[in-house]
Amino acid sequence: MITLVFSGEMSAPRRAVFERAAARWDRVIDTSFAPVSLDGETLRGLQIDAGIAPIDGDAGILGQAGPTALRADTGLPITGIMQFDTADVARLESEGTFEDVILHEMAHVLGFGTLWPGLGLIAGAGSADPRFTGPAAAREYARLDPEGGAAVPIANTGGGGTREAHWRELIFGDELLTGFLSGQDRPLSRMSIAAFEDLGYEVDYSTADPFNLPSFRQLALMGVTEAVRICDLCRVDRPASVVVEV
């Protein structure tokens, strides 16, 4: 189970956004692991420190999100952090994207993109065509595109928080876990859920949203182009993780 620990002042509506994201991920994946002791405290599942505070104003650093402690036995997160800039959050709320950003960034705390390199799940790193090689995600990708290759295309552009840590937007469009906020619905696909199975989680595929690969026309209507545009998700720092013996 995901436990949220809120820091500083946060309004009830904003807390509710984090709580809805945690509830969604708890339906998708099983985080009910054996208890582990960390800093004199016994933790069960995943504990996330969540906060919103002034950092550097709108369009600067959005914040930081990622796992901060990993289990030595499975490599899966014990604790994580999600801290965001007050000014950026206000803009995301006005744009109607805040809820999806929180759901997206919580996926990184759970290990999506953040744990891939350490597990050797990226082929072609640094190339024009990096791929995620997890077998479960590759299986689901093959259902979406039988001729797409043996592994899933991942982001080949963007900053350090985006490149090779998301699905490739020019292929997957508005899927929740691409590196940009495209479209209106941003579905969570079976392929994304499968990527968590590749990390070692037990998952529930019935919680996936309907998703098909978008056409070129649909991509254009979503605003997905090669042009440079604002990338909130590029501006999130990923904290270093420590390994905790169980």
C-alpha atoms as a PDB file:
ATOM      1  CA  MET A   1       0.000   0.000   0.000  1.00  0.00           C
ATOM      2  CA  ILE A   2       1.190   3.523  -0.792  1.00  0.00           C
ATOM      3  CA  THR A   3       1.358   5.807   2.258  1.00  0.00           C
ATOM      4  CA  LEU A   4       1.571   9.574   1.778  1.00  0.00           C
ATOM      5  CA  VAL A   5       3.353  11.818   4.294  1.00  0.00           C
ATOM      6  CA  PHE A   6       2.542  15.454   3.583  1.00  0.00           C
ATOM      7  CA  SER A   7       5.074  18.143   4.433  1.00  0.00           C
ATOM      8  CA  GLY A   8       4.345  21.836   4.942  1.00  0.00           C
ATOM      9  CA  GLU A   9       0.986  23.395   4.255  1.00  0.00           C
ATOM     10  CA  MET A  10      -1.134  21.862   1.522  1.00  0.00           C
ATOM     11  CA  SER A  11      -4.796  22.501   0.834  1.00  0.00           C
ATOM     12  CA  ALA A  12      -7.319  19.695   1.121  1.00  0.00           C
ATOM     13  CA  PRO A  13      -8.057  19.715  -2.644  1.00  0.00           C
ATOM     14  CA  ARG A  14      -4.354  19.339  -3.468  1.00  0.00           C
ATOM     15  CA  ARG A  15      -3.942  16.558  -0.921  1.00  0.00           C
ATOM     16  CA  ALA A  16      -6.893  14.844  -2.538  1.00  0.00           C
ATOM     17  CA  VAL A  17      -5.066  14.838  -5.896  1.00  0.00           C
ATOM     18  CA  PHE A  18      -2.128  12.953  -4.361  1.00  0.00           C
ATOM     19  CA  GLU A  19      -4.502  10.595  -2.573  1.00  0.00           C
ATOM     20  CA  ARG A  20      -6.408   9.786  -5.770  1.00  0.00           C
ATOM     21  CA  ALA A  21      -3.123   9.068  -7.561  1.00  0.00           C
ATOM     22  CA  ALA A  22      -1.985   6.754  -4.769  1.00  0.00           C
ATOM     23  CA  ALA A  23      -5.347   4.949  -4.817  1.00  0.00           C
ATOM     24  CA  ARG A  24      -5.099   4.488  -8.601  1.00  0.00           C
ATOM     25  CA  TRP A  25      -1.603   3.023  -8.420  1.00  0.00           C
ATOM     26  CA  ASP A  26      -2.631   0.780  -5.522  1.00  0.00           C
ATOM     27  CA  ARG A  27      -5.250  -0.711  -7.835  1.00  0.00           C
ATOM     28  CA  VAL A  28      -2.706  -1.182 -10.622  1.00  0.00           C
ATOM     29  CA  ILE A  29       0.196  -2.704  -8.690  1.00  0.00           C
ATOM     30  CA  ASP A  30       0.709  -4.545  -5.416  1.00  0.00           C
ATOM     31  CA  THR A  31       3.048  -2.782  -2.988  1.00  0.00           C
ATOM     32  CA  SER A  32       2.166  -4.896   0.061  1.00  0.00           C
ATOM     33  CA  PHE A  33       5.725  -6.020   0.765  1.00  0.00           C
ATOM     34  CA  ALA A  34       7.203  -7.462   3.941  1.00  0.00           C
ATOM     35  CA  PRO A  35       7.968  -4.807   6.590  1.00  0.00           C
ATOM     36  CA  VAL A  36      11.418  -3.223   6.552  1.00  0.00           C
ATOM     37  CA  SER A  37      13.167  -1.093   9.177  1.00  0.00           C
ATOM     38  CA  LEU A  38      14.481   2.285   8.054  1.00  0.00           C
ATOM     39  CA  ASP A  39      15.823   4.964  10.390  1.00  0.00           C
ATOM     40  CA  GLY A  40      14.199   3.269  13.368  1.00  0.00           C
ATOM     41  CA  GLU A  41      10.795   3.110  11.701  1.00  0.00           C
ATOM     42  CA  THR A  42       9.052   0.003  10.386  1.00  0.00           C
ATOM     43  CA  LEU A  43       7.715   0.632   6.889  1.00  0.00           C
ATOM     44  CA  ARG A  44       5.209  -1.414   4.955  1.00  0.00           C
ATOM     45  CA  GLY A  45       4.635  -0.923   1.259  1.00  0.00           C
ATOM     46  CA  LEU A  46       5.857   2.403  -0.146  1.00  0.00           C
ATOM     47  CA  GLN A  47       6.012   5.676   1.772  1.00  0.00           C
ATOM     48  CA  ILE A  48       6.071   8.903  -0.264  1.00  0.00           C
ATOM     49  CA  ASP A  49       6.928  12.316   1.186  1.00  0.00           C
ATOM     50  CA  ALA A  50       4.767  14.820  -0.692  1.00  0.00           C
ATOM     51  CA  GLY A  51       4.923  18.589  -0.588  1.00  0.00           C
ATOM     52  CA  ILE A  52       4.306  21.827  -2.469  1.00  0.00           C
ATOM     53  CA  ALA A  53       6.491  24.841  -1.675  1.00  0.00           C
ATOM     54  CA  PRO A  54       8.069  27.856  -3.416  1.00  0.00           C
ATOM     55  CA  ILE A  55      11.187  26.943  -5.426  1.00  0.00           C
ATOM     56  CA  ASP A  56      11.971  29.321  -8.292  1.00  0.00           C
ATOM     57  CA  GLY A  57       8.692  30.515  -9.799  1.00  0.00           C
ATOM     58  CA  ASP A  58       6.731  29.439 -12.852  1.00  0.00           C
ATOM     59  CA  ALA A  59       8.543  27.594 -15.670  1.00  0.00           C
ATOM     60  CA  GLY A  60      11.674  27.005 -13.631  1.00  0.00           C
ATOM     61  CA  ILE A  61      12.315  23.756 -11.750  1.00  0.00           C
ATOM     62  CA  LEU A  62       9.009  21.931 -11.368  1.00  0.00           C
ATOM     63  CA  GLY A  63      10.368  19.924  -8.435  1.00  0.00           C
ATOM     64  CA  GLN A  64      11.753  16.492  -7.732  1.00  0.00           C
ATOM     65  CA  ALA A  65      10.207  13.042  -7.762  1.00  0.00           C
ATOM     66  CA  GLY A  66      11.619   9.550  -7.516  1.00  0.00           C
ATOM     67  CA  PRO A  67      12.492   6.694  -5.171  1.00  0.00           C
ATOM     68  CA  THR A  68      14.844   7.511  -2.301  1.00  0.00           C
ATOM     69  CA  ALA A  69      15.358   4.064  -0.735  1.00  0.00           C
ATOM     70  CA  LEU A  70      15.260   0.629  -2.377  1.00  0.00           C
ATOM     71  CA  ARG A  71      14.864  -2.860  -0.926  1.00  0.00           C
ATOM     72  CA  ALA A  72      18.032  -4.927  -1.205  1.00  0.00           C
ATOM     73  CA  ASP A  73      16.083  -8.119  -1.971  1.00  0.00           C
ATOM     74  CA  THR A  74      13.900  -6.922  -4.873  1.00  0.00           C
ATOM     75  CA  GLY A  75      15.318  -3.512  -5.757  1.00  0.00           C
ATOM     76  CA  LEU A  76      11.846  -1.996  -5.452  1.00  0.00           C
ATOM     77  CA  PRO A  77      11.227   1.308  -3.631  1.00  0.00           C
ATOM     78  CA  ILE A  78      10.596   1.612   0.093  1.00  0.00           C
ATOM     79  CA  THR A  79      10.423   5.402   0.179  1.00  0.00           C
ATOM     80  CA  GLY A  80      10.168   8.194  -2.345  1.00  0.00           C
ATOM     81  CA  ILE A  81       9.717  11.930  -2.680  1.00  0.00           C
ATOM     82  CA  MET A  82       7.350  14.190  -4.632  1.00  0.00           C
ATOM     83  CA  GLN A  83       8.059  17.884  -4.092  1.00  0.00           C
ATOM     84  CA  PHE A  84       6.696  20.556  -6.458  1.00  0.00           C
ATOM     85  CA  ASP A  85       7.006  24.294  -6.964  1.00  0.00           C
ATOM     86  CA  THR A  86       4.005  26.330  -5.814  1.00  0.00           C
ATOM     87  CA  ALA A  87       3.962  28.568  -8.896  1.00  0.00           C
ATOM     88  CA  ASP A  88       4.162  25.665 -11.339  1.00  0.00           C
ATOM     89  CA  VAL A  89       1.400  23.802  -9.532  1.00  0.00           C
ATOM     90  CA  ALA A  90      -0.883  26.834  -9.814  1.00  0.00           C
ATOM     91  CA  ARG A  91      -0.290  26.928 -13.576  1.00  0.00           C
ATOM     92  CA  LEU A  92      -0.851  23.176 -13.971  1.00  0.00           C
ATOM     93  CA  GLU A  93      -4.117  23.500 -12.051  1.00  0.00           C
ATOM     94  CA  SER A  94      -5.265  26.325 -14.312  1.00  0.00           C
ATOM     95  CA  GLU A  95      -4.393  24.210 -17.371  1.00  0.00           C
ATOM     96  CA  GLY A  96      -6.199  21.170 -15.983  1.00  0.00           C
ATOM     97  CA  THR A  97      -3.083  18.964 -16.029  1.00  0.00           C
ATOM     98  CA  PHE A  98      -2.071  18.856 -12.356  1.00  0.00           C
ATOM     99  CA  GLU A  99      -3.868  15.585 -11.612  1.00  0.00           C
ATOM    100  CA  ASP A 100      -2.180  13.781 -14.520  1.00  0.00           C
ATOM    101  CA  VAL A 101       1.234  15.212 -13.587  1.00  0.00           C
ATOM    102  CA  ILE A 102       0.897  13.791 -10.071  1.00  0.00           C
ATOM    103  CA  LEU A 103      -0.254  10.405 -11.403  1.00  0.00           C
ATOM    104  CA  HIS A 104       2.658  10.453 -13.888  1.00  0.00           C
ATOM    105  CA  GLU A 105       5.316  11.470 -11.366  1.00  0.00           C
ATOM    106  CA  MET A 106       4.139   8.890  -8.849  1.00  0.00           C
ATOM    107  CA  ALA A 107       4.899   6.293 -11.522  1.00  0.00           C
ATOM    108  CA  HIS A 108       8.526   7.468 -11.452  1.00  0.00           C
ATOM    109  CA  VAL A 109       8.601   7.097  -7.663  1.00  0.00           C
ATOM    110  CA  LEU A 110       7.403   3.518  -8.176  1.00  0.00           C
ATOM    111  CA  GLY A 111      10.309   2.933 -10.560  1.00  0.00           C
ATOM    112  CA  PHE A 112       9.034   3.697 -14.069  1.00  0.00           C
ATOM    113  CA  GLY A 113      12.026   5.110 -15.930  1.00  0.00           C
ATOM    114  CA  THR A 114      14.000   5.708 -12.738  1.00  0.00           C
ATOM    115  CA  LEU A 115      14.970   2.054 -12.145  1.00  0.00           C
ATOM    116  CA  TRP A 116      15.405   0.980 -15.779  1.00  0.00           C
ATOM    117  CA  PRO A 117      19.137   1.700 -16.207  1.00  0.00           C
ATOM    118  CA  GLY A 118      20.176  -0.136 -13.038  1.00  0.00           C
ATOM    119  CA  LEU A 119      18.212  -3.213 -14.104  1.00  0.00           C
ATOM    120  CA  GLY A 120      19.705  -3.277 -17.600  1.00  0.00           C
ATOM    121  CA  LEU A 121      16.321  -2.723 -19.256  1.00  0.00           C
ATOM    122  CA  ILE A 122      17.464  -0.191 -21.873  1.00  0.00           C
ATOM    123  CA  ALA A 123      18.978  -1.171 -25.217  1.00  0.00           C
ATOM    124  CA  GLY A 124      20.633   1.437 -27.446  1.00  0.00           C
ATOM    125  CA  ALA A 125      21.105   4.046 -24.721  1.00  0.00           C
ATOM    126  CA  GLY A 126      22.331   7.312 -26.205  1.00  0.00           C
ATOM    127  CA  SER A 127      21.327   6.318 -29.732  1.00  0.00           C
ATOM    128  CA  ALA A 128      18.556   7.665 -31.955  1.00  0.00           C
ATOM    129  CA  ASP A 129      16.423   4.615 -31.164  1.00  0.00           C
ATOM    130  CA  PRO A 130      16.688   3.545 -27.505  1.00  0.00           C
ATOM    131  CA  ARG A 131      14.344   0.750 -26.461  1.00  0.00           C
ATOM    132  CA  PHE A 132      12.883  -0.682 -23.254  1.00  0.00           C
ATOM    133  CA  THR A 133      13.560  -4.427 -23.267  1.00  0.00           C
ATOM    134  CA  GLY A 134      11.278  -5.715 -20.502  1.00  0.00           C
ATOM    135  CA  PRO A 135       9.535  -8.821 -21.893  1.00  0.00           C
ATOM    136  CA  ALA A 136       6.053  -8.050 -20.538  1.00  0.00           C
ATOM    137  CA  ALA A 137       6.029  -4.511 -21.981  1.00  0.00           C
ATOM    138  CA  ALA A 138       7.488  -5.820 -25.257  1.00  0.00           C
ATOM    139  CA  ARG A 139       4.633  -8.327 -25.462  1.00  0.00           C
ATOM    140  CA  GLU A 140       2.034  -5.588 -25.018  1.00  0.00           C
ATOM    141  CA  TYR A 141       3.803  -3.342 -27.534  1.00  0.00           C
ATOM    142  CA  ALA A 142       3.725  -6.149 -30.081  1.00  0.00           C
ATOM    143  CA  ARG A 143      -0.063  -6.258 -29.689  1.00  0.00           C
ATOM    144  CA  LEU A 144      -0.228  -2.543 -30.439  1.00  0.00           C
ATOM    145  CA  ASP A 145       2.231  -2.724 -33.355  1.00  0.00           C
ATOM    146  CA  PRO A 146       3.118  -6.237 -34.577  1.00  0.00           C
ATOM    147  CA  GLU A 147       5.802  -4.799 -36.865  1.00  0.00           C
ATOM    148  CA  GLY A 148       7.278  -2.345 -34.372  1.00  0.00           C
ATOM    149  CA  GLY A 149      10.274  -4.389 -33.309  1.00  0.00           C
ATOM    150  CA  ALA A 150      11.241  -6.568 -30.384  1.00  0.00           C
ATOM    151  CA  ALA A 151      11.326  -3.826 -27.710  1.00  0.00           C
ATOM    152  CA  VAL A 152       9.430  -0.655 -26.814  1.00  0.00           C
ATOM    153  CA  PRO A 153      10.620   2.710 -28.239  1.00  0.00           C
ATOM    154  CA  ILE A 154      11.474   5.129 -25.443  1.00  0.00           C
ATOM    155  CA  ALA A 155      12.147   8.863 -25.447  1.00  0.00           C
ATOM    156  CA  ASN A 156      15.141   9.832 -27.573  1.00  0.00           C
ATOM    157  CA  THR A 157      14.892  13.574 -26.863  1.00  0.00           C
ATOM    158  CA  GLY A 158      14.438  15.792 -23.834  1.00  0.00           C
ATOM    159  CA  GLY A 159      16.503  16.494 -20.768  1.00  0.00           C
ATOM    160  CA  GLY A 160      17.903  14.089 -18.231  1.00  0.00           C
ATOM    161  CA  GLY A 161      14.526  13.657 -16.564  1.00  0.00           C
ATOM    162  CA  THR A 162      12.814  12.734 -19.826  1.00  0.00           C
ATOM    163  CA  ARG A 163      15.159  11.016 -22.309  1.00  0.00           C
ATOM    164  CA  GLU A 164      15.175   7.219 -21.916  1.00  0.00           C
ATOM    165  CA  ALA A 165      12.773   7.429 -18.954  1.00  0.00           C
ATOM    166  CA  HIS A 166       9.443   7.599 -20.850  1.00  0.00           C
ATOM    167  CA  TRP A 167       7.686   6.098 -23.846  1.00  0.00           C
ATOM    168  CA  ARG A 168       8.420   7.893 -27.110  1.00  0.00           C
ATOM    169  CA  GLU A 169       5.779  10.567 -27.632  1.00  0.00           C
ATOM    170  CA  LEU A 170       5.937  10.597 -31.451  1.00  0.00           C
ATOM    171  CA  ILE A 171       4.742   6.973 -31.354  1.00  0.00           C
ATOM    172  CA  PHE A 172       2.537   6.782 -28.264  1.00  0.00           C
ATOM    173  CA  GLY A 173       1.020  10.282 -28.327  1.00  0.00           C
ATOM    174  CA  ASP A 174      -1.148  10.962 -25.297  1.00  0.00           C
ATOM    175  CA  GLU A 175      -0.295   7.831 -23.279  1.00  0.00           C
ATOM    176  CA  LEU A 176       0.165   8.876 -19.636  1.00  0.00           C
ATOM    177  CA  LEU A 177       3.831   7.892 -19.434  1.00  0.00           C
ATOM    178  CA  THR A 178       5.294   9.677 -22.447  1.00  0.00           C
ATOM    179  CA  GLY A 179       7.575  12.601 -21.625  1.00  0.00           C
ATOM    180  CA  PHE A 180       5.124  15.361 -22.583  1.00  0.00           C
ATOM    181  CA  LEU A 181       1.567  16.251 -21.590  1.00  0.00           C
ATOM    182  CA  SER A 182      -0.224  15.620 -24.879  1.00  0.00           C
ATOM    183  CA  GLY A 183      -3.912  15.297 -25.672  1.00  0.00           C
ATOM    184  CA  GLN A 184      -6.786  15.479 -23.206  1.00  0.00           C
ATOM    185  CA  ASP A 185      -7.317  12.011 -21.714  1.00  0.00           C
ATOM    186  CA  ARG A 186      -3.765  10.615 -21.210  1.00  0.00           C
ATOM    187  CA  PRO A 187      -4.697   6.919 -20.786  1.00  0.00           C
ATOM    188  CA  LEU A 188      -2.681   4.386 -18.804  1.00  0.00           C
ATOM    189  CA  SER A 189      -2.112   1.488 -21.205  1.00  0.00           C
ATOM    190  CA  ARG A 190      -1.568  -2.227 -20.624  1.00  0.00           C
ATOM    191  CA  MET A 191       1.957  -1.641 -21.938  1.00  0.00           C
ATOM    192  CA  SER A 192       2.714   0.764 -19.080  1.00  0.00           C
ATOM    193  CA  ILE A 193       1.294  -1.648 -16.538  1.00  0.00           C
ATOM    194  CA  ALA A 194       3.421  -4.397 -18.071  1.00  0.00           C
ATOM    195  CA  ALA A 195       6.539  -2.260 -17.511  1.00  0.00           C
ATOM    196  CA  PHE A 196       5.839  -2.484 -13.766  1.00  0.00           C
ATOM    197  CA  GLU A 197       5.589  -6.265 -14.053  1.00  0.00           C
ATOM    198  CA  ASP A 198       9.046  -6.130 -15.654  1.00  0.00           C
ATOM    199  CA  LEU A 199      10.285  -4.288 -12.554  1.00  0.00           C
ATOM    200  CA  GLY A 200       9.041  -7.126 -10.347  1.00  0.00           C
ATOM    201  CA  TYR A 201       5.615  -5.938  -9.207  1.00  0.00           C
ATOM    202  CA  GLU A 202       2.423  -7.975  -9.286  1.00  0.00           C
ATOM    203  CA  VAL A 203       0.032  -6.045 -11.515  1.00  0.00           C
ATOM    204  CA  ASP A 204      -3.641  -5.971 -12.445  1.00  0.00           C
ATOM    205  CA  TYR A 205      -4.138  -5.518 -16.192  1.00  0.00           C
ATOM    206  CA  SER A 206      -7.868  -5.015 -15.779  1.00  0.00           C
ATOM    207  CA  THR A 207      -7.130  -1.502 -14.454  1.00  0.00           C
ATOM    208  CA  ALA A 208      -5.714  -0.350 -17.809  1.00  0.00           C
ATOM    209  CA  ASP A 209      -7.440   2.301 -19.899  1.00  0.00           C
ATOM    210  CA  PRO A 210      -8.353   1.597 -23.548  1.00  0.00           C
ATOM    211  CA  PHE A 211      -5.424   2.559 -25.784  1.00  0.00           C
ATOM    212  CA  ASN A 212      -4.426   2.196 -29.422  1.00  0.00           C
ATOM    213  CA  LEU A 213      -1.487   3.700 -31.247  1.00  0.00           C
ATOM    214  CA  PRO A 214      -2.530   7.102 -32.629  1.00  0.00           C
ATOM    215  CA  SER A 215      -2.419   7.887 -36.337  1.00  0.00           C
ATOM    216  CA  PHE A 216      -0.290  10.748 -37.708  1.00  0.00           C
ATOM    217  CA  ARG A 217      -3.449  12.837 -37.917  1.00  0.00           C
ATOM    218  CA  GLN A 218      -4.339  12.113 -34.314  1.00  0.00           C
ATOM    219  CA  LEU A 219      -0.804  12.996 -33.227  1.00  0.00           C
ATOM    220  CA  ALA A 220      -1.072  16.327 -35.011  1.00  0.00           C
ATOM    221  CA  LEU A 221      -4.414  17.073 -33.363  1.00  0.00           C
ATOM    222  CA  MET A 222      -2.850  16.306 -29.969  1.00  0.00           C
ATOM    223  CA  GLY A 223      -0.137  18.868 -30.688  1.00  0.00           C
ATOM    224  CA  VAL A 224       2.595  16.241 -30.936  1.00  0.00           C
ATOM    225  CA  THR A 225       5.240  17.604 -33.281  1.00  0.00           C
ATOM    226  CA  GLU A 226       9.016  17.769 -33.619  1.00  0.00           C
ATOM    227  CA  ALA A 227       8.875  21.444 -32.598  1.00  0.00           C
ATOM    228  CA  VAL A 228      10.251  22.508 -29.241  1.00  0.00           C
ATOM    229  CA  ARG A 229       7.479  23.153 -26.708  1.00  0.00           C
ATOM    230  CA  ILE A 230       7.192  23.368 -22.962  1.00  0.00           C
ATOM    231  CA  CYS A 231       8.140  20.133 -21.244  1.00  0.00           C
ATOM    232  CA  ASP A 232       7.163  20.262 -17.594  1.00  0.00           C
ATOM    233  CA  LEU A 233       8.245  16.681 -17.147  1.00  0.00           C
ATOM    234  CA  CYS A 234      11.823  17.530 -18.248  1.00  0.00           C
ATOM    235  CA  ARG A 235      12.145  19.871 -15.311  1.00  0.00           C
ATOM    236  CA  VAL A 236      11.849  17.313 -12.517  1.00  0.00           C
ATOM    237  CA  ASP A 237      14.983  16.234 -10.663  1.00  0.00           C
ATOM    238  CA  ARG A 238      15.388  12.562  -9.774  1.00  0.00           C
ATOM    239  CA  PRO A 239      16.874  11.964  -6.307  1.00  0.00           C
ATOM    240  CA  ALA A 240      19.621   9.435  -5.660  1.00  0.00           C
ATOM    241  CA  SER A 241      18.423   6.236  -4.010  1.00  0.00           C
ATOM    242  CA  VAL A 242      20.023   4.253  -1.187  1.00  0.00           C
ATOM    243  CA  VAL A 243      19.716   0.474  -0.831  1.00  0.00           C
ATOM    244  CA  VAL A 244      18.308  -0.863   2.453  1.00  0.00           C
ATOM    245  CA  GLU A 245      18.934  -4.400   3.676  1.00  0.00           C
ATOM    246  CA  VAL A 246      15.771  -6.296   4.523  1.00  0.00           C
END
